[in-house]
């Protein structure tokens, strides 16, 4: 594990490529943890951060009867999809 043998006085600019970029965002210690866990592997980050289940729940909770378009924009989905989720929620509660 690198953290046990971590060189002293590491700066962001000492890190290679993406590790340098990440260190400016999340800090060197967090980057070293990522390095220890995933070095040598290719990591792909999905475009969407949250699960569809979470988004569906948020849409239903935040819907006020008139803001489907606003919710679609907020969560990055089509208004048609948002309305479909709302309909599913109404049907499930009946």
Protein backbone atom coordinates (compact mmCIF):
# COMPACT_ATOMS: atom_id res chain seq x y z
CA UNK A 1 0.00 0.00 0.00
CA UNK A 2 1.46 3.34 -1.07
CA UNK A 3 0.10 5.27 1.92
CA UNK A 4 2.38 3.29 4.25
CA UNK A 5 5.38 4.29 2.06
CA UNK A 6 4.06 7.72 1.02
CA UNK A 7 6.91 10.06 0.10
CA UNK A 8 6.98 13.29 2.07
CA UNK A 9 5.92 16.64 0.61
CA UNK A 10 3.94 15.32 -2.37
CA UNK A 11 2.39 18.11 -4.42
CA UNK A 12 -0.30 17.87 -7.11
CA UNK A 13 2.21 18.66 -9.83
CA UNK A 14 4.27 15.60 -8.83
CA UNK A 15 1.44 13.28 -9.84
CA UNK A 16 1.03 11.82 -13.31
CA UNK A 17 -1.84 12.70 -15.71
CA UNK A 18 -5.28 12.05 -14.34
CA UNK A 19 -3.91 11.63 -10.79
CA UNK A 20 -2.73 15.24 -10.98
CA UNK A 21 -6.15 16.41 -12.17
CA UNK A 22 -7.97 14.45 -9.49
CA UNK A 23 -5.66 15.69 -6.74
CA UNK A 24 -6.58 19.30 -7.48
CA UNK A 25 -10.26 18.37 -7.10
CA UNK A 26 -10.31 15.90 -4.20
CA UNK A 27 -6.87 16.17 -2.62
CA UNK A 28 -3.71 14.10 -2.66
CA UNK A 29 -4.70 11.74 0.18
CA UNK A 30 -7.94 10.78 -1.61
CA UNK A 31 -6.04 10.23 -4.87
CA UNK A 32 -3.57 7.96 -3.09
CA UNK A 33 -6.51 5.88 -1.79
CA UNK A 34 -7.90 5.63 -5.33
CA UNK A 35 -4.45 4.66 -6.59
CA UNK A 36 -4.09 1.97 -3.92
CA UNK A 37 -7.48 0.47 -4.76
CA UNK A 38 -7.65 0.81 -8.55
CA UNK A 39 -4.16 1.26 -10.02
CA UNK A 40 -3.74 -0.44 -13.34
CA UNK A 41 -7.49 -0.62 -13.91
CA UNK A 42 -9.49 1.51 -16.28
CA UNK A 43 -12.40 3.27 -14.58
CA UNK A 44 -15.32 4.66 -16.54
CA UNK A 45 -17.66 7.12 -14.86
CA UNK A 46 -21.29 6.97 -15.99
CA UNK A 47 -22.88 10.17 -17.27
CA UNK A 48 -25.60 9.88 -14.65
CA UNK A 49 -24.54 10.11 -11.02
CA UNK A 50 -27.75 8.88 -9.38
CA UNK A 51 -29.65 5.62 -9.88
CA UNK A 52 -32.94 5.69 -11.77
CA UNK A 53 -34.72 4.51 -8.62
CA UNK A 54 -33.43 7.53 -6.71
CA UNK A 55 -34.37 9.91 -9.55
CA UNK A 56 -37.87 8.43 -9.75
CA UNK A 57 -38.31 8.90 -5.99
CA UNK A 58 -37.08 12.50 -6.18
CA UNK A 59 -39.39 13.32 -9.09
CA UNK A 60 -42.41 11.97 -7.23
CA UNK A 61 -41.44 13.81 -4.04
CA UNK A 62 -40.73 17.13 -5.77
CA UNK A 63 -43.69 17.14 -8.12
CA UNK A 64 -46.17 19.90 -7.21
CA UNK A 65 -48.73 19.23 -9.92
CA UNK A 66 -47.29 21.74 -12.39
CA UNK A 67 -43.50 21.36 -12.53
CA UNK A 68 -42.91 18.29 -14.74
CA UNK A 69 -40.92 20.32 -17.28
CA UNK A 70 -38.77 21.88 -14.56
CA UNK A 71 -38.08 18.44 -13.04
CA UNK A 72 -37.17 17.05 -16.46
CA UNK A 73 -34.62 19.81 -16.91
CA UNK A 74 -33.31 19.47 -13.36
CA UNK A 75 -32.68 15.73 -13.63
CA UNK A 76 -31.70 15.61 -17.31
CA UNK A 77 -34.60 13.52 -18.59
CA UNK A 78 -37.37 14.22 -21.07
CA UNK A 79 -40.65 15.66 -19.88
CA UNK A 80 -42.35 12.61 -21.38
CA UNK A 81 -40.26 10.30 -19.18
CA UNK A 82 -41.00 12.40 -16.09
CA UNK A 83 -44.72 12.25 -16.81
CA UNK A 84 -44.43 8.48 -17.30
CA UNK A 85 -42.78 8.17 -13.86
CA UNK A 86 -45.50 10.28 -12.29
CA UNK A 87 -48.21 8.16 -13.93
CA UNK A 88 -46.51 4.96 -12.68
CA UNK A 89 -46.50 6.41 -9.19
CA UNK A 90 -50.18 7.33 -9.35
CA UNK A 91 -51.11 3.89 -10.73
CA UNK A 92 -49.08 2.14 -8.02
CA UNK A 93 -50.80 4.08 -5.25
CA UNK A 94 -54.30 3.23 -6.47
